[in-house]
């Protein structure tokens, strides 16, 4: 599993649209995008994490 840092636009209720950032654990970049789209994120930007930071974020990811 890979760990990705994301920044994406979320569609909220009653004009509460805003950008969010966090981490997602996924098999690959396409899987990460699918997981974020299921959570109603759009305009998704991804960056794969590597090294120790990826190992740590794997346990504290916002979306699994």
Foldseek 3Di string as FASTA:
>chain_A
DWKKWKWWWADDPPPPIDIDIWMEDDPDPVRRVVQVVVVRTPPMDIDTDDDPVRVVCVVVGPYD
